[in-house]
Amino acid sequence: MSQGLQLVNLTKPGRLPYLECQAPELVASDGSDSWEEAYPWAIVIIVVVGCFLLITMLLGLYLYKGTEVVQRLNNLKKRMHGLPTSGPFTAVVTDIQGWTGEVARQVGCSLQF
């Protein structure tokens, strides 16, 4: 076995030249470049398992809080459109501090609004 480092050409076809210094025992003798090329089925298994977990999570979320999530998305969509420009409009007036008592004392004035 030779001593020192070896200069290994790791250039891919159509790419810029890429050389690397490696210890002799680390130089790949079988010519495989990476684990992706050595085990292409591993990528398929990872993608399938990932998709299965994602679908399972989304289905569980839908069954657990499906209607609540859908309602929140519908409300968000309505808010994005802004206020209505025509048609019937409903306004909700919240109680301003002291307003209820003032309306009770001034019944005639409150009917003019």
N, C-alpha and C. Protein backbone atom coordinates (compact mmCIF):
# COMPACT_ATOMS: atom_id res chain seq x y z
N MET A 1 0.85 -1.18 0.00
CA MET A 1 0.00 0.00 0.00
C MET A 1 0.89 1.24 0.00
N SER A 2 0.55 2.22 -0.83
CA SER A 2 1.37 3.42 -0.92
C SER A 2 1.06 4.38 0.22
N GLN A 3 2.05 5.19 0.55
CA GLN A 3 1.90 6.17 1.62
C GLN A 3 1.42 7.50 1.04
N GLY A 4 0.79 8.33 1.89
CA GLY A 4 0.39 9.68 1.48
C GLY A 4 -1.00 9.75 0.90
N LEU A 5 -1.28 10.87 0.25
CA LEU A 5 -2.60 11.13 -0.31
C LEU A 5 -2.60 10.86 -1.80
N GLN A 6 -3.79 10.54 -2.32
CA GLN A 6 -3.97 10.35 -3.75
C GLN A 6 -4.90 11.43 -4.27
N LEU A 7 -4.62 11.90 -5.47
CA LEU A 7 -5.48 12.88 -6.12
C LEU A 7 -6.52 12.11 -6.92
N VAL A 8 -7.80 12.27 -6.56
CA VAL A 8 -8.88 11.52 -7.18
C VAL A 8 -9.74 12.47 -8.00
N ASN A 9 -10.03 12.09 -9.24
CA ASN A 9 -10.86 12.90 -10.12
C ASN A 9 -12.32 12.55 -9.85
N LEU A 10 -13.11 13.51 -9.34
CA LEU A 10 -14.53 13.30 -9.05
C LEU A 10 -15.42 14.12 -9.98
N THR A 11 -14.90 14.47 -11.16
CA THR A 11 -15.63 15.31 -12.10
C THR A 11 -16.80 14.53 -12.69
N LYS A 12 -17.99 15.14 -12.64
CA LYS A 12 -19.18 14.56 -13.26
C LYS A 12 -19.23 15.01 -14.72
N PRO A 13 -19.83 14.21 -15.60
CA PRO A 13 -19.93 14.61 -17.02
C PRO A 13 -20.69 15.93 -17.17
N GLY A 14 -20.12 16.82 -17.94
CA GLY A 14 -20.77 18.10 -18.20
C GLY A 14 -20.60 19.12 -17.08
N ARG A 15 -19.78 18.83 -16.09
CA ARG A 15 -19.57 19.74 -14.96
C ARG A 15 -18.14 20.26 -14.98
N LEU A 16 -17.86 21.20 -14.09
CA LEU A 16 -16.50 21.71 -13.94
C LEU A 16 -15.62 20.63 -13.32
N PRO A 17 -14.34 20.64 -13.67
CA PRO A 17 -13.44 19.63 -13.10
C PRO A 17 -13.41 19.73 -11.57
N TYR A 18 -13.43 18.58 -10.89
CA TYR A 18 -13.41 18.53 -9.44
C TYR A 18 -12.45 17.43 -9.01
N LEU A 19 -11.37 17.82 -8.37
CA LEU A 19 -10.37 16.87 -7.89
C LEU A 19 -10.33 16.95 -6.37
N GLU A 20 -10.04 15.81 -5.73
CA GLU A 20 -10.01 15.76 -4.28
C GLU A 20 -8.84 14.89 -3.84
N CYS A 21 -8.20 15.36 -2.76
CA CYS A 21 -7.13 14.56 -2.17
C CYS A 21 -7.75 13.62 -1.14
N GLN A 22 -7.45 12.32 -1.29
CA GLN A 22 -8.01 11.33 -0.37
C GLN A 22 -6.90 10.41 0.11
N ALA A 23 -7.10 9.90 1.32
CA ALA A 23 -6.18 8.88 1.82
C ALA A 23 -6.39 7.62 1.00
N PRO A 24 -5.36 6.81 0.80
CA PRO A 24 -5.50 5.62 -0.06
C PRO A 24 -6.61 4.67 0.37
N GLU A 25 -6.86 4.49 1.67
CA GLU A 25 -7.90 3.56 2.10
C GLU A 25 -9.31 4.11 1.89
N LEU A 26 -9.44 5.42 1.61
CA LEU A 26 -10.76 6.01 1.39
C LEU A 26 -11.15 6.07 -0.07
N VAL A 27 -10.25 5.75 -0.95
CA VAL A 27 -10.54 5.80 -2.38
C VAL A 27 -11.48 4.64 -2.72
N ALA A 28 -12.60 4.96 -3.37
CA ALA A 28 -13.58 3.93 -3.71
C ALA A 28 -13.03 3.06 -4.82
N SER A 29 -13.03 1.77 -4.60
CA SER A 29 -12.49 0.85 -5.61
C SER A 29 -13.56 0.37 -6.58
N ASP A 30 -14.83 0.41 -6.15
CA ASP A 30 -15.90 -0.11 -7.01
C ASP A 30 -16.45 0.94 -7.97
N GLY A 31 -16.08 2.19 -7.83
CA GLY A 31 -16.50 3.23 -8.75
C GLY A 31 -17.86 3.85 -8.42
N SER A 32 -18.53 3.47 -7.35
CA SER A 32 -19.81 4.08 -7.02
C SER A 32 -19.57 5.47 -6.45
N ASP A 33 -20.38 6.44 -6.90
CA ASP A 33 -20.16 7.82 -6.51
C ASP A 33 -20.86 8.19 -5.21
N SER A 34 -22.05 7.69 -4.96
CA SER A 34 -22.79 8.10 -3.77
C SER A 34 -23.78 7.00 -3.39
N TRP A 35 -24.38 7.16 -2.23
CA TRP A 35 -25.36 6.18 -1.77
C TRP A 35 -26.63 6.23 -2.61
N GLU A 36 -26.93 7.42 -3.19
CA GLU A 36 -28.13 7.53 -4.04
C GLU A 36 -28.02 6.64 -5.27
N GLU A 37 -26.79 6.56 -5.82
CA GLU A 37 -26.60 5.71 -6.99
C GLU A 37 -26.50 4.24 -6.60
N ALA A 38 -25.96 3.98 -5.42
CA ALA A 38 -25.81 2.60 -4.97
C ALA A 38 -27.15 2.00 -4.55
N TYR A 39 -28.03 2.81 -3.94
CA TYR A 39 -29.33 2.34 -3.44
C TYR A 39 -30.46 3.24 -3.93
N PRO A 40 -30.80 3.19 -5.22
CA PRO A 40 -31.86 4.08 -5.73
C PRO A 40 -33.23 3.76 -5.13
N TRP A 41 -33.45 2.53 -4.71
CA TRP A 41 -34.73 2.14 -4.12
C TRP A 41 -34.94 2.80 -2.77
N ALA A 42 -33.85 3.22 -2.10
CA ALA A 42 -33.98 3.87 -0.79
C ALA A 42 -34.70 5.20 -0.92
N ILE A 43 -34.44 5.93 -2.00
CA ILE A 43 -35.12 7.22 -2.22
C ILE A 43 -36.61 6.99 -2.43
N VAL A 44 -36.97 5.96 -3.17
CA VAL A 44 -38.39 5.65 -3.41
C VAL A 44 -39.08 5.31 -2.09
N ILE A 45 -38.42 4.51 -1.26
CA ILE A 45 -39.01 4.14 0.03
C ILE A 45 -39.17 5.36 0.91
N ILE A 46 -38.18 6.25 0.95
CA ILE A 46 -38.27 7.46 1.76
C ILE A 46 -39.42 8.34 1.30
N VAL A 47 -39.58 8.51 -0.01
CA VAL A 47 -40.66 9.35 -0.54
C VAL A 47 -42.02 8.72 -0.25
N VAL A 48 -42.16 7.41 -0.43
CA VAL A 48 -43.44 6.75 -0.17
C VAL A 48 -43.82 6.84 1.30
N VAL A 49 -42.86 6.58 2.19
CA VAL A 49 -43.13 6.67 3.63
C VAL A 49 -43.48 8.11 4.01
N GLY A 50 -42.76 9.08 3.46
CA GLY A 50 -43.07 10.48 3.75
C GLY A 50 -44.47 10.87 3.30
N CYS A 51 -44.85 10.46 2.10
CA CYS A 51 -46.21 10.75 1.60
C CYS A 51 -47.26 10.08 2.46
N PHE A 52 -47.01 8.83 2.85
CA PHE A 52 -47.96 8.12 3.71
C PHE A 52 -48.14 8.85 5.04
N LEU A 53 -47.03 9.28 5.64
CA LEU A 53 -47.13 10.01 6.92
C LEU A 53 -47.85 11.33 6.75
N LEU A 54 -47.60 12.04 5.66
CA LEU A 54 -48.28 13.31 5.42
C LEU A 54 -49.78 13.12 5.23
N ILE A 55 -50.16 12.12 4.45
CA ILE A 55 -51.58 11.86 4.23
C ILE A 55 -52.25 11.43 5.52
N THR A 56 -51.58 10.60 6.30
CA THR A 56 -52.14 10.16 7.58
C THR A 56 -52.33 11.34 8.52
N MET A 57 -51.35 12.24 8.57
CA MET A 57 -51.46 13.41 9.44
C MET A 57 -52.61 14.32 9.00
N LEU A 58 -52.72 14.56 7.69
CA LEU A 58 -53.80 15.42 7.20
C LEU A 58 -55.16 14.80 7.43
N LEU A 59 -55.28 13.49 7.23
CA LEU A 59 -56.55 12.81 7.49
C LEU A 59 -56.91 12.88 8.97
N GLY A 60 -55.93 12.65 9.83
CA GLY A 60 -56.17 12.75 11.27
C GLY A 60 -56.58 14.15 11.67
N LEU A 61 -55.94 15.16 11.10
CA LEU A 61 -56.30 16.55 11.40
C LEU A 61 -57.72 16.85 10.93
N TYR A 62 -58.07 16.34 9.74
CA TYR A 62 -59.41 16.58 9.22
C TYR A 62 -60.47 15.90 10.09
N LEU A 63 -60.21 14.68 10.50
CA LEU A 63 -61.19 13.98 11.33
C LEU A 63 -61.27 14.56 12.73
N TYR A 64 -60.15 15.06 13.25
CA TYR A 64 -60.14 15.59 14.60
C TYR A 64 -60.73 16.99 14.66
N LYS A 65 -60.31 17.86 13.77
CA LYS A 65 -60.79 19.25 13.78
C LYS A 65 -61.19 19.70 12.39
N GLY A 66 -61.72 18.81 11.61
CA GLY A 66 -62.02 19.11 10.21
C GLY A 66 -62.97 20.27 10.02
N THR A 67 -64.11 20.23 10.71
CA THR A 67 -65.10 21.28 10.49
C THR A 67 -64.60 22.62 11.03
N GLU A 68 -63.85 22.60 12.12
CA GLU A 68 -63.32 23.85 12.67
C GLU A 68 -62.29 24.48 11.73
N VAL A 69 -61.45 23.65 11.15
CA VAL A 69 -60.44 24.15 10.22
C VAL A 69 -61.11 24.71 8.97
N VAL A 70 -62.09 23.99 8.44
CA VAL A 70 -62.80 24.45 7.25
C VAL A 70 -63.52 25.77 7.53
N GLN A 71 -64.15 25.89 8.70
CA GLN A 71 -64.85 27.11 9.05
C GLN A 71 -63.87 28.28 9.16
N ARG A 72 -62.72 28.05 9.76
CA ARG A 72 -61.72 29.13 9.88
C ARG A 72 -61.21 29.55 8.51
N LEU A 73 -61.01 28.59 7.61
CA LEU A 73 -60.57 28.94 6.26
C LEU A 73 -61.64 29.73 5.52
N ASN A 74 -62.91 29.36 5.68
CA ASN A 74 -64.00 30.11 5.06
C ASN A 74 -64.08 31.53 5.61
N ASN A 75 -63.92 31.67 6.93
CA ASN A 75 -63.95 33.00 7.53
C ASN A 75 -62.78 33.86 7.03
N LEU A 76 -61.62 33.24 6.89
CA LEU A 76 -60.46 33.96 6.39
C LEU A 76 -60.69 34.42 4.95
N LYS A 77 -61.30 33.54 4.14
CA LYS A 77 -61.60 33.89 2.76
C LYS A 77 -62.58 35.07 2.70
N LYS A 78 -63.59 35.07 3.58
CA LYS A 78 -64.56 36.18 3.61
C LYS A 78 -63.88 37.48 4.02
N ARG A 79 -62.96 37.40 5.00
CA ARG A 79 -62.26 38.61 5.44
C ARG A 79 -61.38 39.19 4.36
N MET A 80 -60.86 38.35 3.49
CA MET A 80 -59.97 38.81 2.42
C MET A 80 -60.73 39.68 1.42
N HIS A 81 -62.04 39.43 1.27
CA HIS A 81 -62.84 40.19 0.31
C HIS A 81 -63.16 41.59 0.81
N GLY A 82 -63.07 41.84 2.08
CA GLY A 82 -63.38 43.16 2.63
C GLY A 82 -64.86 43.32 2.89
N LEU A 83 -65.26 44.57 3.13
CA LEU A 83 -66.67 44.87 3.42
C LEU A 83 -67.51 44.78 2.16
N PRO A 84 -68.78 44.37 2.30
CA PRO A 84 -69.66 44.31 1.12
C PRO A 84 -69.92 45.71 0.58
N THR A 85 -70.05 45.81 -0.74
CA THR A 85 -70.31 47.11 -1.37
C THR A 85 -71.78 47.29 -1.73
N SER A 86 -72.57 46.21 -1.77
CA SER A 86 -73.99 46.32 -2.08
C SER A 86 -74.72 45.18 -1.40
N GLY A 87 -76.05 45.28 -1.39
CA GLY A 87 -76.86 44.24 -0.78
C GLY A 87 -77.08 44.49 0.70
N PRO A 88 -77.74 43.56 1.35
CA PRO A 88 -78.01 43.76 2.78
C PRO A 88 -76.70 43.74 3.58
N PHE A 89 -76.69 44.56 4.60
CA PHE A 89 -75.50 44.70 5.43
C PHE A 89 -75.93 44.66 6.89
N THR A 90 -75.29 43.88 7.68
CA THR A 90 -75.59 43.77 9.10
C THR A 90 -74.44 44.36 9.89
N ALA A 91 -74.76 45.27 10.78
CA ALA A 91 -73.74 45.88 11.63
C ALA A 91 -74.00 45.46 13.07
N VAL A 92 -72.98 45.10 13.76
CA VAL A 92 -73.09 44.70 15.15
C VAL A 92 -72.46 45.80 16.00
N VAL A 93 -73.27 46.35 16.90
CA VAL A 93 -72.78 47.40 17.78
C VAL A 93 -72.51 46.78 19.14
N THR A 94 -71.30 46.89 19.59
CA THR A 94 -70.98 46.36 20.91
C THR A 94 -71.28 47.42 21.96
N ASP A 95 -71.41 47.00 23.18
CA ASP A 95 -71.75 47.91 24.26
C ASP A 95 -70.56 48.79 24.62
N ILE A 96 -70.72 50.08 24.41
CA ILE A 96 -69.72 51.05 24.82
C ILE A 96 -70.00 51.36 26.29
N GLN A 97 -68.95 51.58 27.06
CA GLN A 97 -69.11 51.77 28.50
C GLN A 97 -70.12 52.88 28.79
N GLY A 98 -71.18 52.51 29.47
CA GLY A 98 -72.21 53.46 29.86
C GLY A 98 -73.29 53.68 28.82
N TRP A 99 -73.17 53.10 27.64
CA TRP A 99 -74.14 53.34 26.56
C TRP A 99 -75.50 52.76 26.90
N THR A 100 -75.56 51.56 27.46
CA THR A 100 -76.83 50.92 27.78
C THR A 100 -77.60 51.76 28.80
N GLY A 101 -76.92 52.24 29.80
CA GLY A 101 -77.58 53.08 30.80
C GLY A 101 -78.06 54.39 30.21
N GLU A 102 -77.29 54.97 29.30
CA GLU A 102 -77.67 56.24 28.67
C GLU A 102 -78.89 56.05 27.77
N VAL A 103 -78.96 54.94 27.06
CA VAL A 103 -80.11 54.65 26.21
C VAL A 103 -81.35 54.46 27.07
N ALA A 104 -81.23 53.81 28.21
CA ALA A 104 -82.37 53.59 29.09
C ALA A 104 -82.89 54.92 29.63
N ARG A 105 -82.01 55.89 29.90
CA ARG A 105 -82.45 57.20 30.41
C ARG A 105 -83.02 58.07 29.30
N GLN A 106 -82.51 57.96 28.11
CA GLN A 106 -82.91 58.84 27.00
C GLN A 106 -83.61 58.03 25.90
N VAL A 107 -84.74 57.45 26.21
CA VAL A 107 -85.44 56.58 25.27
C VAL A 107 -85.82 57.33 24.00
N GLY A 108 -86.25 58.54 24.10
CA GLY A 108 -86.69 59.30 22.92
C GLY A 108 -85.55 59.57 21.97
N CYS A 109 -84.38 59.88 22.48
CA CYS A 109 -83.23 60.18 21.61
C CYS A 109 -82.70 58.92 20.93
N SER A 110 -82.75 57.80 21.62
CA SER A 110 -82.18 56.58 21.05
C SER A 110 -83.02 56.05 19.90
N LEU A 111 -84.31 56.37 19.86
CA LEU A 111 -85.15 55.90 18.77
C LEU A 111 -84.92 56.69 17.49
N GLN A 112 -84.24 57.83 17.57
CA GLN A 112 -83.99 58.65 16.37
C GLN A 112 -82.82 58.09 15.56
N PHE A 113 -81.98 57.27 16.15
CA PHE A 113 -80.81 56.74 15.42
C PHE A 113 -81.30 55.78 14.42
